[in-house]
N, C-alpha and C. Protein backbone atom coordinates (compact mmCIF):
# COMPACT_ATOMS: atom_id res chain seq x y z
N MET A 1 -9.21 66.21 -16.03
CA MET A 1 -9.16 66.85 -14.64
C MET A 1 -8.99 65.68 -13.46
N GLN A 2 -7.82 65.63 -12.81
CA GLN A 2 -7.63 64.43 -12.03
C GLN A 2 -8.58 64.58 -10.96
N ASN A 3 -9.09 63.29 -10.26
CA ASN A 3 -9.84 63.45 -9.12
C ASN A 3 -9.02 63.86 -7.91
N LYS A 4 -9.94 64.52 -6.82
CA LYS A 4 -9.44 64.91 -5.75
C LYS A 4 -9.48 63.70 -4.83
N THR A 5 -8.30 63.82 -3.91
CA THR A 5 -8.42 62.86 -3.01
C THR A 5 -8.98 63.40 -1.64
N ILE A 6 -10.13 62.88 -1.14
CA ILE A 6 -10.69 63.60 0.05
C ILE A 6 -10.37 62.77 1.25
N ILE A 7 -9.83 63.18 2.47
CA ILE A 7 -9.74 62.53 3.50
C ILE A 7 -11.17 63.24 4.27
N ASP A 8 -11.82 62.42 4.48
CA ASP A 8 -13.24 62.71 5.09
C ASP A 8 -13.14 62.54 6.77
N LYS A 9 -13.20 63.69 7.53
CA LYS A 9 -13.05 63.59 8.90
C LYS A 9 -14.23 64.49 9.75
N LEU A 10 -14.42 63.88 10.94
CA LEU A 10 -15.54 64.79 11.57
C LEU A 10 -14.51 65.36 12.80
N ALA A 11 -15.12 66.71 13.11
CA ALA A 11 -14.46 67.20 14.22
C ALA A 11 -15.42 67.73 15.18
N TRP A 12 -15.08 68.00 16.48
CA TRP A 12 -15.71 68.63 17.66
C TRP A 12 -15.29 69.99 18.15
N ILE A 13 -16.33 70.66 18.03
CA ILE A 13 -16.11 72.34 18.39
C ILE A 13 -16.46 72.26 19.63
N GLU A 14 -15.36 72.27 20.62
CA GLU A 14 -15.57 73.03 21.98
C GLU A 14 -15.02 74.21 22.41
N LEU A 15 -15.86 75.15 22.77
CA LEU A 15 -15.47 76.51 22.81
C LEU A 15 -15.80 76.41 24.42
N LYS A 16 -14.85 77.69 24.88
CA LYS A 16 -14.96 77.99 26.22
C LYS A 16 -14.43 79.43 26.20
N ASP A 17 -14.88 80.49 26.77
CA ASP A 17 -14.73 81.73 26.97
C ASP A 17 -13.67 82.21 25.57
N LYS A 18 -14.73 82.05 24.73
CA LYS A 18 -14.21 82.31 23.19
C LYS A 18 -12.78 81.80 22.71
N SER A 19 -12.47 80.41 23.43
CA SER A 19 -11.41 79.98 22.94
C SER A 19 -11.77 78.39 22.64
N ILE A 20 -10.85 77.82 21.74
CA ILE A 20 -11.50 76.63 21.35
C ILE A 20 -10.66 75.35 21.74
N LEU A 21 -11.11 74.11 22.12
CA LEU A 21 -10.05 72.92 22.40
C LEU A 21 -9.35 72.37 21.20
N SER A 22 -8.29 72.43 21.55
CA SER A 22 -7.53 71.69 20.27
C SER A 22 -6.55 70.56 20.92
N THR A 23 -6.10 69.73 19.96
CA THR A 23 -5.07 68.79 20.47
C THR A 23 -4.02 68.49 19.65
N LYS A 24 -2.99 67.97 20.22
CA LYS A 24 -1.75 67.44 19.02
C LYS A 24 -1.42 66.21 19.46
N SER A 25 -1.17 65.38 18.57
CA SER A 25 -0.74 64.10 18.56
C SER A 25 0.74 63.88 18.62
N TYR A 26 1.04 62.83 19.17
CA TYR A 26 2.65 62.54 19.29
C TYR A 26 3.21 62.62 17.97
N GLY A 27 4.24 63.34 17.56
CA GLY A 27 5.03 63.39 16.75
C GLY A 27 4.45 63.95 15.52
N LYS A 28 3.38 65.17 16.02
CA LYS A 28 3.02 65.83 14.90
C LYS A 28 3.34 67.62 15.53
N ASP A 29 3.46 68.32 14.41
CA ASP A 29 4.11 69.59 14.93
C ASP A 29 2.70 70.64 14.89
N LYS A 30 1.50 70.09 14.58
CA LYS A 30 0.42 70.86 14.56
C LYS A 30 -0.68 70.66 15.54
N TYR A 31 -1.44 71.69 15.94
CA TYR A 31 -2.76 71.31 16.95
C TYR A 31 -3.77 71.04 15.67
N TYR A 32 -4.93 70.26 16.27
CA TYR A 32 -5.94 69.57 15.43
C TYR A 32 -7.07 69.98 16.55
N ILE A 33 -8.50 69.98 15.80
CA ILE A 33 -9.24 70.11 16.33
C ILE A 33 -10.02 68.62 16.62
N PRO A 34 -10.09 68.25 17.92
CA PRO A 34 -10.38 66.77 18.13
C PRO A 34 -11.41 66.05 17.27
N GLY A 35 -11.20 64.98 16.99
CA GLY A 35 -12.32 64.33 16.13
C GLY A 35 -11.45 63.09 15.19
N GLY A 36 -11.92 62.53 14.17
CA GLY A 36 -11.56 61.74 13.21
C GLY A 36 -12.17 60.83 12.30
N LYS A 37 -12.09 60.01 11.83
CA LYS A 37 -12.54 59.47 10.70
C LYS A 37 -13.47 58.66 11.14
N ARG A 38 -14.54 58.30 10.50
CA ARG A 38 -15.41 57.22 10.56
C ARG A 38 -15.07 55.87 10.24
N GLU A 39 -15.65 54.73 11.11
CA GLU A 39 -15.21 53.37 10.75
C GLU A 39 -16.56 52.88 10.01
N THR A 40 -16.23 51.87 9.20
CA THR A 40 -17.29 51.46 8.20
C THR A 40 -18.64 51.30 8.93
N GLY A 41 -19.52 51.83 8.39
CA GLY A 41 -21.08 51.84 9.05
C GLY A 41 -21.24 52.79 10.04
N GLU A 42 -20.39 53.46 10.50
CA GLU A 42 -20.77 54.30 11.51
C GLU A 42 -21.36 55.32 10.98
N THR A 43 -21.98 56.11 11.81
CA THR A 43 -22.76 57.26 11.64
C THR A 43 -21.96 58.80 11.97
N ASP A 44 -22.03 59.81 11.64
CA ASP A 44 -21.23 60.97 12.14
C ASP A 44 -21.26 61.06 13.80
N GLU A 45 -22.59 60.81 14.23
CA GLU A 45 -22.83 60.65 15.80
C GLU A 45 -21.88 59.67 16.49
N GLN A 46 -22.12 58.41 16.03
CA GLN A 46 -21.44 57.26 16.49
C GLN A 46 -19.77 57.46 16.46
N ALA A 47 -19.22 57.82 15.23
CA ALA A 47 -17.85 58.27 15.02
C ALA A 47 -17.33 59.12 15.97
N LEU A 48 -18.30 60.26 15.89
CA LEU A 48 -17.44 61.45 16.60
C LEU A 48 -17.48 60.89 18.48
N VAL A 49 -18.63 60.33 18.86
CA VAL A 49 -18.52 59.74 20.13
C VAL A 49 -17.40 59.03 20.62
N ARG A 50 -17.36 57.98 19.60
CA ARG A 50 -16.10 57.31 19.46
C ARG A 50 -14.74 57.96 19.45
N GLU A 51 -14.56 58.62 18.55
CA GLU A 51 -13.21 59.38 18.52
C GLU A 51 -12.96 60.36 19.71
N ILE A 52 -13.74 60.92 20.15
CA ILE A 52 -13.31 61.73 21.52
C ILE A 52 -13.33 61.21 22.70
N TRP A 53 -14.08 59.96 22.69
CA TRP A 53 -13.89 58.99 24.07
C TRP A 53 -12.27 58.46 24.03
N GLU A 54 -11.74 58.18 22.91
CA GLU A 54 -10.52 57.61 22.82
C GLU A 54 -9.41 58.86 22.88
N GLU A 55 -9.79 60.10 22.43
CA GLU A 55 -8.97 60.81 22.41
C GLU A 55 -8.91 61.83 23.88
N LEU A 56 -9.99 61.95 24.20
CA LEU A 56 -10.36 63.00 25.25
C LEU A 56 -10.60 62.57 26.45
N ASN A 57 -11.18 61.21 26.58
CA ASN A 57 -11.69 60.43 27.74
C ASN A 57 -13.23 61.24 28.17
N VAL A 58 -13.71 61.63 27.46
CA VAL A 58 -14.95 62.42 27.72
C VAL A 58 -16.06 61.72 26.85
N THR A 59 -17.30 61.62 27.39
CA THR A 59 -18.51 61.20 26.65
C THR A 59 -19.35 62.24 26.05
N ILE A 60 -19.57 62.40 24.87
CA ILE A 60 -20.46 63.44 24.16
C ILE A 60 -21.94 62.81 24.06
N ASP A 61 -22.87 63.50 24.26
CA ASP A 61 -24.04 63.39 24.46
C ASP A 61 -24.67 63.63 23.15
N SER A 62 -24.73 62.39 22.00
CA SER A 62 -24.99 62.41 20.82
C SER A 62 -26.35 63.36 20.49
N LYS A 63 -27.28 63.25 21.70
CA LYS A 63 -28.48 64.01 21.57
C LYS A 63 -28.38 65.35 21.57
N THR A 64 -27.16 66.05 21.68
CA THR A 64 -27.01 67.57 21.95
C THR A 64 -26.24 67.80 20.85
N LEU A 65 -25.63 67.07 19.69
CA LEU A 65 -24.89 67.29 18.76
C LEU A 65 -25.47 68.09 17.74
N HIS A 66 -24.91 69.27 17.50
CA HIS A 66 -25.35 70.39 16.60
C HIS A 66 -24.32 70.67 15.54
N TYR A 67 -25.00 70.47 14.30
CA TYR A 67 -24.11 70.47 12.99
C TYR A 67 -23.57 72.20 12.89
N ILE A 68 -22.32 72.22 12.80
CA ILE A 68 -21.74 73.77 12.63
C ILE A 68 -21.34 73.82 11.24
N GLY A 69 -21.03 72.96 10.47
CA GLY A 69 -20.58 73.34 9.11
C GLY A 69 -19.42 72.48 8.54
N THR A 70 -19.36 72.49 7.15
CA THR A 70 -18.12 71.42 6.56
C THR A 70 -17.39 72.36 5.87
N PHE A 71 -16.18 72.14 6.12
CA PHE A 71 -15.11 72.81 5.49
C PHE A 71 -14.00 71.98 4.94
N GLU A 72 -13.31 72.40 3.80
CA GLU A 72 -12.39 71.81 2.72
C GLU A 72 -11.18 72.66 2.61
N ALA A 73 -10.13 72.20 2.90
CA ALA A 73 -8.72 72.63 2.53
C ALA A 73 -7.82 71.43 2.23
N GLN A 74 -6.47 71.91 1.92
CA GLN A 74 -5.41 71.15 1.52
C GLN A 74 -5.23 70.39 2.94
N ALA A 75 -4.74 69.13 2.91
CA ALA A 75 -4.55 68.29 3.72
C ALA A 75 -2.90 68.46 4.47
N HIS A 76 -2.95 68.82 5.54
CA HIS A 76 -1.63 69.21 6.32
C HIS A 76 -0.35 67.94 6.13
N GLY A 77 0.44 67.91 5.61
CA GLY A 77 1.32 66.89 5.52
C GLY A 77 1.10 65.74 4.46
N HIS A 78 0.16 66.31 3.66
CA HIS A 78 0.09 65.42 2.38
C HIS A 78 0.53 65.78 1.14
N ALA A 79 0.34 65.00 0.15
CA ALA A 79 0.80 65.62 -1.19
C ALA A 79 -0.39 66.97 -1.77
N ASP A 80 0.27 67.80 -2.57
CA ASP A 80 -0.85 68.58 -3.30
C ASP A 80 -2.33 67.78 -3.71
N GLY A 81 -3.00 68.38 -3.61
CA GLY A 81 -4.26 68.12 -4.20
C GLY A 81 -5.26 66.86 -3.30
N ILE A 82 -4.38 66.62 -2.25
CA ILE A 82 -4.99 65.95 -1.12
C ILE A 82 -5.73 66.75 -0.23
N ILE A 83 -7.17 66.65 -0.17
CA ILE A 83 -7.99 67.56 0.34
C ILE A 83 -8.67 67.09 1.73
N VAL A 84 -8.73 67.47 2.55
CA VAL A 84 -9.40 67.17 4.31
C VAL A 84 -10.84 67.78 4.01
N LYS A 85 -11.79 67.18 4.35
CA LYS A 85 -13.10 67.50 4.35
C LYS A 85 -13.61 67.41 5.97
N MET A 86 -13.71 68.52 6.64
CA MET A 86 -13.86 68.50 7.97
C MET A 86 -15.40 68.69 8.30
N THR A 87 -16.14 67.89 8.80
CA THR A 87 -17.74 67.94 9.29
C THR A 87 -17.45 68.31 10.68
N CYS A 88 -18.12 69.31 11.06
CA CYS A 88 -17.90 69.87 12.44
C CYS A 88 -19.34 69.98 13.33
N TYR A 89 -19.17 69.54 14.53
CA TYR A 89 -20.40 69.39 15.31
C TYR A 89 -20.03 69.94 16.81
N SER A 90 -20.84 70.57 17.42
CA SER A 90 -20.51 70.91 18.72
C SER A 90 -21.33 70.01 19.54
N GLY A 91 -21.32 70.06 20.81
CA GLY A 91 -22.25 69.02 21.91
C GLY A 91 -21.62 69.09 23.14
N GLU A 92 -22.56 68.93 24.00
CA GLU A 92 -22.11 68.75 25.33
C GLU A 92 -21.46 67.47 25.55
N TYR A 93 -20.83 67.44 26.78
CA TYR A 93 -20.39 66.01 27.07
C TYR A 93 -20.10 66.06 28.66
N SER A 94 -19.75 64.62 29.11
CA SER A 94 -19.78 64.56 30.55
C SER A 94 -18.34 63.86 30.73
N GLY A 95 -17.82 64.00 31.95
CA GLY A 95 -16.43 63.72 32.09
C GLY A 95 -15.41 64.68 32.37
N GLU A 96 -14.33 64.30 32.60
CA GLU A 96 -13.25 65.25 32.60
C GLU A 96 -12.21 65.25 31.59
N LEU A 97 -12.12 66.36 30.83
CA LEU A 97 -11.11 66.39 29.69
C LEU A 97 -9.84 65.95 30.15
N LYS A 98 -9.19 64.89 29.33
CA LYS A 98 -7.81 64.56 29.31
C LYS A 98 -7.44 63.84 28.30
N ALA A 99 -6.27 64.22 28.14
CA ALA A 99 -5.44 63.73 26.84
C ALA A 99 -5.24 62.30 26.88
N SER A 100 -5.57 61.20 25.93
CA SER A 100 -5.35 60.09 25.93
C SER A 100 -5.15 59.22 24.53
N SER A 101 -4.53 58.15 24.56
CA SER A 101 -4.13 57.40 23.55
C SER A 101 -2.97 58.11 22.94
N GLU A 102 -3.54 58.68 21.65
CA GLU A 102 -2.42 59.17 20.67
C GLU A 102 -2.05 60.84 20.73
N ILE A 103 -2.69 61.26 21.78
CA ILE A 103 -2.75 62.60 22.11
C ILE A 103 -1.90 63.03 23.35
N GLU A 104 -0.70 63.98 22.70
CA GLU A 104 0.49 64.43 23.42
C GLU A 104 -0.28 65.47 24.55
N GLU A 105 -1.16 66.37 23.76
CA GLU A 105 -1.32 67.64 24.83
C GLU A 105 -2.55 68.35 24.33
N MET A 106 -3.37 68.49 24.95
CA MET A 106 -4.62 69.44 24.76
C MET A 106 -4.57 70.95 25.26
N LYS A 107 -4.74 71.89 24.48
CA LYS A 107 -4.65 73.16 24.59
C LYS A 107 -5.87 74.11 24.19
N TRP A 108 -6.25 75.26 24.93
CA TRP A 108 -7.34 75.98 24.51
C TRP A 108 -6.67 77.08 23.34
N LEU A 109 -7.13 77.16 22.58
CA LEU A 109 -6.37 78.00 21.54
C LEU A 109 -7.39 79.17 21.06
N ASN A 110 -6.83 80.42 20.69
CA ASN A 110 -7.40 81.42 20.23
C ASN A 110 -7.13 81.74 18.69
N TYR A 111 -7.70 82.79 18.26
CA TYR A 111 -7.56 83.14 16.96
C TYR A 111 -6.41 83.40 16.57
N SER A 112 -5.41 84.22 17.43
CA SER A 112 -4.26 84.39 17.18
C SER A 112 -3.29 83.22 17.24
N ASP A 113 -3.74 82.06 17.39
CA ASP A 113 -2.78 80.73 17.16
C ASP A 113 -2.79 80.14 15.91
N LYS A 114 -3.31 80.86 15.24
CA LYS A 114 -3.54 80.18 13.70
C LYS A 114 -2.38 79.66 13.09
N ASP A 115 -1.21 80.13 13.38
CA ASP A 115 0.11 79.81 12.75
C ASP A 115 0.27 78.29 13.39
N LYS A 116 -0.50 77.71 14.68
CA LYS A 116 -0.34 76.34 14.98
C LYS A 116 -1.04 75.36 14.60
N ILE A 117 -1.83 75.65 13.54
CA ILE A 117 -2.88 74.76 13.29
C ILE A 117 -2.82 74.30 11.82
N SER A 118 -3.73 73.35 11.24
CA SER A 118 -3.78 72.69 9.86
C SER A 118 -4.38 73.87 9.09
N GLU A 119 -4.29 73.68 7.99
CA GLU A 119 -4.79 74.54 6.76
C GLU A 119 -6.67 74.48 6.85
N VAL A 120 -6.98 73.40 7.03
CA VAL A 120 -8.65 73.22 7.38
C VAL A 120 -8.82 73.79 8.54
N ASP A 121 -8.26 73.81 9.66
CA ASP A 121 -8.73 74.33 10.84
C ASP A 121 -8.53 75.92 10.76
N LYS A 122 -7.72 76.56 10.03
CA LYS A 122 -7.58 77.92 9.89
C LYS A 122 -8.63 78.27 9.04
N ILE A 123 -9.45 77.52 8.27
CA ILE A 123 -10.79 78.06 7.81
C ILE A 123 -11.91 77.92 8.93
N ILE A 124 -11.77 77.07 9.60
CA ILE A 124 -12.76 76.76 10.80
C ILE A 124 -12.60 77.98 11.92
N PHE A 125 -11.36 78.30 12.12
CA PHE A 125 -11.04 79.41 12.79
C PHE A 125 -11.56 80.87 12.53
N ASP A 126 -11.27 80.82 11.15
CA ASP A 126 -12.01 82.24 10.38
C ASP A 126 -13.29 82.14 10.37
N SER A 127 -14.22 81.00 10.39
CA SER A 127 -15.45 80.91 10.33
C SER A 127 -16.07 81.44 12.03
N LEU A 128 -15.43 80.62 12.96
CA LEU A 128 -15.81 81.22 14.28
C LEU A 128 -15.29 82.65 14.59
N HIS A 129 -14.39 82.84 14.31
CA HIS A 129 -14.06 84.20 14.38
C HIS A 129 -14.80 85.24 13.87
N GLN A 130 -15.29 85.16 12.64
CA GLN A 130 -16.44 86.03 11.88
C GLN A 130 -17.94 85.87 12.54
N ASN A 131 -17.90 84.93 13.32
CA ASN A 131 -19.18 84.62 13.92
C ASN A 131 -19.05 85.01 15.41
N ASN A 132 -17.94 85.72 15.77
CA ASN A 132 -17.82 86.07 17.13
C ASN A 132 -17.64 85.05 17.98
N LEU A 133 -17.29 83.95 17.95
CA LEU A 133 -17.17 82.86 18.81
C LEU A 133 -15.73 82.39 19.31
N LEU A 134 -14.86 83.25 18.61
CA LEU A 134 -13.37 83.02 18.91
C LEU A 134 -12.85 84.27 18.76
N ASP A 135 -12.15 84.50 19.90
CA ASP A 135 -10.91 85.64 20.02
C ASP A 135 -9.67 85.48 19.53
């Protein structure tokens, strides 16, 4: 059996009025839950705070981070067998949300927007929907 290639990512789940904050990068066709990859030596908290600052110009309070779950699925736009593993947290932030660096657009999505997101995000949407957090 071949080894799975895993893309290890972190995601910040920000919910408002039963919709979820999602972002779309320049040149991409899908929305993604904001977040990204750890850099060498970073903790989940450090990486998430850095990534969200880079993408959305807000500061996450690492003391309020709450683990939501880890989800795996085929990675969007990658060869078969490449899996993305998304470790999700919620947490309070300060500042005003605004798309920056590689982010073209941010949007509040609902469960009915599942056709606009990647495979792993669909699993996360399903979980949030089942827990009555996403309409």
